[in-house]
């Protein structure tokens, strides 16, 4: 609930910042998309990092680490792909100056609502993919047997741990 509210506040603030700085729409869209992607990545990466502290048997520790590290690598790869996709969608449009070929007018493709929708769709898909990667890792770690650290169970302990079970009786004093 709080993250949804935080995201709403961030979106409003970013929109106001873009308008007040007179950035071209393409620049504001790219910056907004990059921020959303990096924020989602950081949230999912922190959840993965917490999985490292799961208490599992020493025989399952390697599997836990492998699962989390594989998910982290997949998460990073998905972020990189999404950032590249956004860059591709926002390259060469309004806001970027390109050298004019001799004898031809400088034609810039405008950043339309259709282009913005493509960027938004790319971001939403990437964020959903990153959430899925994190959730799958969490499910895999949850399937590992959990060990509760601490003292072993009291089974087999003598009633009075300070005395041996077969202690001879004290000699009586006259």
C-alpha atoms as a PDB file:
ATOM      1  CA  UNK A   1       0.000   0.000   0.000  1.00  0.00           C
ATOM      2  CA  UNK A   2       2.730   2.442   0.927  1.00  0.00           C
ATOM      3  CA  UNK A   3       4.786   1.675  -2.192  1.00  0.00           C
ATOM      4  CA  UNK A   4       1.765   2.395  -4.410  1.00  0.00           C
ATOM      5  CA  UNK A   5       1.349   5.733  -2.657  1.00  0.00           C
ATOM      6  CA  UNK A   6       5.069   6.433  -2.978  1.00  0.00           C
ATOM      7  CA  UNK A   7       4.963   5.606  -6.699  1.00  0.00           C
ATOM      8  CA  UNK A   8       1.999   7.920  -7.190  1.00  0.00           C
ATOM      9  CA  UNK A   9       3.801  10.753  -5.419  1.00  0.00           C
ATOM     10  CA  UNK A  10       6.944  10.094  -7.478  1.00  0.00           C
ATOM     11  CA  UNK A  11       4.977  10.113 -10.740  1.00  0.00           C
ATOM     12  CA  UNK A  12       3.321  13.412  -9.863  1.00  0.00           C
ATOM     13  CA  UNK A  13       6.614  14.957  -8.776  1.00  0.00           C
ATOM     14  CA  UNK A  14       8.423  13.759 -11.885  1.00  0.00           C
ATOM     15  CA  UNK A  15       5.707  15.120 -14.125  1.00  0.00           C
ATOM     16  CA  UNK A  16       5.949  18.509 -12.434  1.00  0.00           C
ATOM     17  CA  UNK A  17       9.756  18.482 -12.689  1.00  0.00           C
ATOM     18  CA  UNK A  18       9.644  17.667 -16.392  1.00  0.00           C
ATOM     19  CA  UNK A  19       7.182  20.474 -17.117  1.00  0.00           C
ATOM     20  CA  UNK A  20       9.003  23.051 -15.006  1.00  0.00           C
ATOM     21  CA  UNK A  21      12.399  22.322 -16.595  1.00  0.00           C
ATOM     22  CA  UNK A  22      10.995  22.518 -20.147  1.00  0.00           C
ATOM     23  CA  UNK A  23      12.465  19.141 -21.051  1.00  0.00           C
ATOM     24  CA  UNK A  24      11.365  17.676 -24.339  1.00  0.00           C
ATOM     25  CA  UNK A  25       8.724  14.980 -23.818  1.00  0.00           C
ATOM     26  CA  UNK A  26      11.108  12.295 -25.035  1.00  0.00           C
ATOM     27  CA  UNK A  27      13.688  13.131 -22.383  1.00  0.00           C
ATOM     28  CA  UNK A  28      11.102  13.210 -19.607  1.00  0.00           C
ATOM     29  CA  UNK A  29       9.655   9.884 -20.782  1.00  0.00           C
ATOM     30  CA  UNK A  30      13.076   8.216 -20.903  1.00  0.00           C
ATOM     31  CA  UNK A  31      14.076   9.542 -17.477  1.00  0.00           C
ATOM     32  CA  UNK A  32      10.756   8.498 -15.960  1.00  0.00           C
ATOM     33  CA  UNK A  33      10.983   5.012 -17.480  1.00  0.00           C
ATOM     34  CA  UNK A  34      14.578   4.581 -16.290  1.00  0.00           C
ATOM     35  CA  UNK A  35      13.650   5.619 -12.762  1.00  0.00           C
ATOM     36  CA  UNK A  36      10.674   3.249 -12.606  1.00  0.00           C
ATOM     37  CA  UNK A  37      12.785   0.359 -13.874  1.00  0.00           C
ATOM     38  CA  UNK A  38      15.662   1.013 -11.481  1.00  0.00           C
ATOM     39  CA  UNK A  39      13.300   1.417  -8.499  1.00  0.00           C
ATOM     40  CA  UNK A  40      11.544  -1.864  -9.288  1.00  0.00           C
ATOM     41  CA  UNK A  41      14.904  -3.585  -9.747  1.00  0.00           C
ATOM     42  CA  UNK A  42      16.147  -2.300  -6.405  1.00  0.00           C
ATOM     43  CA  UNK A  43      12.995  -3.472  -4.591  1.00  0.00           C
ATOM     44  CA  UNK A  44      13.245  -6.958  -6.088  1.00  0.00           C
ATOM     45  CA  UNK A  45      16.984  -7.146  -5.499  1.00  0.00           C
ATOM     46  CA  UNK A  46      16.517  -6.291  -1.820  1.00  0.00           C
ATOM     47  CA  UNK A  47      13.948  -9.083  -1.507  1.00  0.00           C
ATOM     48  CA  UNK A  48      16.434 -11.486  -3.086  1.00  0.00           C
ATOM     49  CA  UNK A  49      19.169 -10.344  -0.700  1.00  0.00           C
ATOM     50  CA  UNK A  50      16.914 -11.146   2.259  1.00  0.00           C
ATOM     51  CA  UNK A  51      16.544 -14.700   0.951  1.00  0.00           C
ATOM     52  CA  UNK A  52      20.277 -15.238   1.590  1.00  0.00           C
ATOM     53  CA  UNK A  53      19.543 -15.108   5.329  1.00  0.00           C
ATOM     54  CA  UNK A  54      17.039 -17.980   5.171  1.00  0.00           C
ATOM     55  CA  UNK A  55      18.003 -20.652   7.696  1.00  0.00           C
ATOM     56  CA  UNK A  56      18.498 -23.880   5.799  1.00  0.00           C
ATOM     57  CA  UNK A  57      20.486 -27.006   6.533  1.00  0.00           C
ATOM     58  CA  UNK A  58      24.147 -26.765   5.602  1.00  0.00           C
ATOM     59  CA  UNK A  59      23.592 -29.344   2.864  1.00  0.00           C
ATOM     60  CA  UNK A  60      21.020 -27.021   1.232  1.00  0.00           C
ATOM     61  CA  UNK A  61      23.054 -23.803   1.631  1.00  0.00           C
ATOM     62  CA  UNK A  62      24.726 -24.190  -1.777  1.00  0.00           C
ATOM     63  CA  UNK A  63      21.356 -24.713  -3.455  1.00  0.00           C
ATOM     64  CA  UNK A  64      19.967 -21.620  -1.698  1.00  0.00           C
ATOM     65  CA  UNK A  65      22.919 -19.486  -2.792  1.00  0.00           C
ATOM     66  CA  UNK A  66      22.747 -20.823  -6.350  1.00  0.00           C
ATOM     67  CA  UNK A  67      19.003 -20.116  -6.556  1.00  0.00           C
ATOM     68  CA  UNK A  68      19.349 -16.562  -5.267  1.00  0.00           C
ATOM     69  CA  UNK A  69      22.438 -15.783  -7.353  1.00  0.00           C
ATOM     70  CA  UNK A  70      20.786 -17.131 -10.518  1.00  0.00           C
ATOM     71  CA  UNK A  71      17.693 -15.022  -9.844  1.00  0.00           C
ATOM     72  CA  UNK A  72      19.880 -11.963  -9.219  1.00  0.00           C
ATOM     73  CA  UNK A  73      21.674 -12.470 -12.537  1.00  0.00           C
ATOM     74  CA  UNK A  74      18.343 -12.882 -14.345  1.00  0.00           C
ATOM     75  CA  UNK A  75      17.018  -9.758 -12.643  1.00  0.00           C
ATOM     76  CA  UNK A  76      20.062  -7.743 -13.762  1.00  0.00           C
ATOM     77  CA  UNK A  77      19.791  -9.081 -17.303  1.00  0.00           C
ATOM     78  CA  UNK A  78      16.096  -8.138 -17.465  1.00  0.00           C
ATOM     79  CA  UNK A  79      16.834  -4.621 -16.201  1.00  0.00           C
ATOM     80  CA  UNK A  80      19.573  -4.177 -18.801  1.00  0.00           C
ATOM     81  CA  UNK A  81      17.289  -5.390 -21.596  1.00  0.00           C
ATOM     82  CA  UNK A  82      14.491  -3.085 -20.457  1.00  0.00           C
ATOM     83  CA  UNK A  83      16.818  -0.068 -20.257  1.00  0.00           C
ATOM     84  CA  UNK A  84      18.108  -0.861 -23.753  1.00  0.00           C
ATOM     85  CA  UNK A  85      14.551  -1.247 -25.072  1.00  0.00           C
ATOM     86  CA  UNK A  86      13.544   2.121 -23.604  1.00  0.00           C
ATOM     87  CA  UNK A  87      16.666   3.727 -25.066  1.00  0.00           C
ATOM     88  CA  UNK A  88      15.822   2.271 -28.471  1.00  0.00           C
ATOM     89  CA  UNK A  89      12.268   3.609 -28.289  1.00  0.00           C
ATOM     90  CA  UNK A  90      13.448   7.071 -27.272  1.00  0.00           C
ATOM     91  CA  UNK A  91      16.469   7.447 -29.549  1.00  0.00           C
ATOM     92  CA  UNK A  92      16.571   9.915 -32.417  1.00  0.00           C
ATOM     93  CA  UNK A  93      13.380  11.744 -31.664  1.00  0.00           C
ATOM     94  CA  UNK A  94      12.558  15.204 -30.455  1.00  0.00           C
ATOM     95  CA  UNK A  95      15.131  16.592 -28.044  1.00  0.00           C
ATOM     96  CA  UNK A  96      18.157  15.046 -29.705  1.00  0.00           C
ATOM     97  CA  UNK A  97      20.013  17.149 -32.234  1.00  0.00           C
ATOM     98  CA  UNK A  98      21.408  15.323 -35.208  1.00  0.00           C
ATOM     99  CA  UNK A  99      23.622  16.723 -37.921  1.00  0.00           C
ATOM    100  CA  UNK A 100      21.654  17.770 -41.018  1.00  0.00           C
ATOM    101  CA  UNK A 101      22.590  16.078 -44.220  1.00  0.00           C
ATOM    102  CA  UNK A 102      23.558  18.634 -46.872  1.00  0.00           C
ATOM    103  CA  UNK A 103      20.582  19.922 -48.817  1.00  0.00           C
ATOM    104  CA  UNK A 104      17.867  18.237 -46.759  1.00  0.00           C
ATOM    105  CA  UNK A 105      15.667  19.725 -44.052  1.00  0.00           C
ATOM    106  CA  UNK A 106      16.079  18.693 -40.410  1.00  0.00           C
ATOM    107  CA  UNK A 107      13.105  16.418 -39.882  1.00  0.00           C
ATOM    108  CA  UNK A 108      12.449  15.215 -36.343  1.00  0.00           C
ATOM    109  CA  UNK A 109       9.920  12.571 -35.526  1.00  0.00           C
ATOM    110  CA  UNK A 110       7.728  13.835 -32.744  1.00  0.00           C
ATOM    111  CA  UNK A 111       7.280  11.814 -29.576  1.00  0.00           C
ATOM    112  CA  UNK A 112       3.616  10.889 -29.734  1.00  0.00           C
ATOM    113  CA  UNK A 113       1.215   9.297 -27.290  1.00  0.00           C
ATOM    114  CA  UNK A 114       1.625   6.081 -29.287  1.00  0.00           C
ATOM    115  CA  UNK A 115       5.367   6.161 -28.640  1.00  0.00           C
ATOM    116  CA  UNK A 116       4.722   6.955 -24.968  1.00  0.00           C
ATOM    117  CA  UNK A 117       2.358   3.972 -24.784  1.00  0.00           C
ATOM    118  CA  UNK A 118       5.108   1.733 -26.198  1.00  0.00           C
ATOM    119  CA  UNK A 119       7.544   2.992 -23.567  1.00  0.00           C
ATOM    120  CA  UNK A 120       4.960   2.507 -20.805  1.00  0.00           C
ATOM    121  CA  UNK A 121       4.194  -1.011 -22.044  1.00  0.00           C
ATOM    122  CA  UNK A 122       7.902  -1.882 -22.165  1.00  0.00           C
ATOM    123  CA  UNK A 123       8.361  -0.642 -18.601  1.00  0.00           C
ATOM    124  CA  UNK A 124       5.276  -2.468 -17.281  1.00  0.00           C
ATOM    125  CA  UNK A 125       6.292  -5.730 -18.954  1.00  0.00           C
ATOM    126  CA  UNK A 126       9.829  -5.497 -17.588  1.00  0.00           C
ATOM    127  CA  UNK A 127       8.640  -4.723 -14.065  1.00  0.00           C
ATOM    128  CA  UNK A 128       6.238  -7.684 -14.170  1.00  0.00           C
ATOM    129  CA  UNK A 129       9.045  -9.925 -15.431  1.00  0.00           C
ATOM    130  CA  UNK A 130      11.337  -8.780 -12.603  1.00  0.00           C
ATOM    131  CA  UNK A 131       8.604  -9.411 -10.009  1.00  0.00           C
ATOM    132  CA  UNK A 132       8.107 -12.894 -11.472  1.00  0.00           C
ATOM    133  CA  UNK A 133      11.852 -13.632 -11.280  1.00  0.00           C
ATOM    134  CA  UNK A 134      11.912 -12.599  -7.612  1.00  0.00           C
ATOM    135  CA  UNK A 135       8.714 -14.503  -6.778  1.00  0.00           C
ATOM    136  CA  UNK A 136       9.994 -17.677  -8.469  1.00  0.00           C
ATOM    137  CA  UNK A 137      13.211 -17.480  -6.441  1.00  0.00           C
ATOM    138  CA  UNK A 138      11.199 -16.954  -3.271  1.00  0.00           C
ATOM    139  CA  UNK A 139       9.066 -20.011  -4.083  1.00  0.00           C
ATOM    140  CA  UNK A 140      12.153 -22.136  -4.776  1.00  0.00           C
ATOM    141  CA  UNK A 141      13.784 -21.063  -1.513  1.00  0.00           C
ATOM    142  CA  UNK A 142      10.504 -21.665   0.334  1.00  0.00           C
ATOM    143  CA  UNK A 143      10.554 -25.270  -0.907  1.00  0.00           C
ATOM    144  CA  UNK A 144      13.875 -25.892   0.848  1.00  0.00           C
ATOM    145  CA  UNK A 145      13.619 -27.389   4.341  1.00  0.00           C
ATOM    146  CA  UNK A 146      13.911 -24.630   6.918  1.00  0.00           C
ATOM    147  CA  UNK A 147      16.098 -25.148   9.985  1.00  0.00           C
ATOM    148  CA  UNK A 148      15.401 -23.369  13.246  1.00  0.00           C
ATOM    149  CA  UNK A 149      18.715 -22.307  14.729  1.00  0.00           C
ATOM    150  CA  UNK A 150      19.323 -22.610  18.443  1.00  0.00           C
ATOM    151  CA  UNK A 151      19.675 -25.341  21.016  1.00  0.00           C
ATOM    152  CA  UNK A 152      18.805 -28.892  20.103  1.00  0.00           C
ATOM    153  CA  UNK A 153      15.548 -30.224  21.469  1.00  0.00           C
ATOM    154  CA  UNK A 154      15.488 -31.285  25.099  1.00  0.00           C
ATOM    155  CA  UNK A 155      15.062 -34.927  24.106  1.00  0.00           C
ATOM    156  CA  UNK A 156      17.521 -37.184  25.860  1.00  0.00           C
ATOM    157  CA  UNK A 157      18.573 -34.670  28.486  1.00  0.00           C
ATOM    158  CA  UNK A 158      18.637 -35.736  32.122  1.00  0.00           C
ATOM    159  CA  UNK A 159      16.056 -34.152  34.426  1.00  0.00           C
ATOM    160  CA  UNK A 160      18.827 -32.369  36.352  1.00  0.00           C
ATOM    161  CA  UNK A 161      21.547 -31.430  33.890  1.00  0.00           C
ATOM    162  CA  UNK A 162      24.009 -30.734  36.704  1.00  0.00           C
ATOM    163  CA  UNK A 163      24.103 -34.356  37.866  1.00  0.00           C
ATOM    164  CA  UNK A 164      24.965 -37.515  35.968  1.00  0.00           C
ATOM    165  CA  UNK A 165      22.071 -39.953  35.564  1.00  0.00           C
ATOM    166  CA  UNK A 166      23.819 -42.768  37.477  1.00  0.00           C
ATOM    167  CA  UNK A 167      25.467 -40.734  40.246  1.00  0.00           C
ATOM    168  CA  UNK A 168      26.272 -42.648  43.434  1.00  0.00           C
ATOM    169  CA  UNK A 169      24.425 -41.537  46.542  1.00  0.00           C
ATOM    170  CA  UNK A 170      26.222 -39.276  48.987  1.00  0.00           C
ATOM    171  CA  UNK A 171      27.629 -41.078  52.048  1.00  0.00           C
ATOM    172  CA  UNK A 172      25.680 -40.324  55.189  1.00  0.00           C
ATOM    173  CA  UNK A 173      27.573 -38.523  57.949  1.00  0.00           C
ATOM    174  CA  UNK A 174      27.201 -39.863  61.497  1.00  0.00           C
END
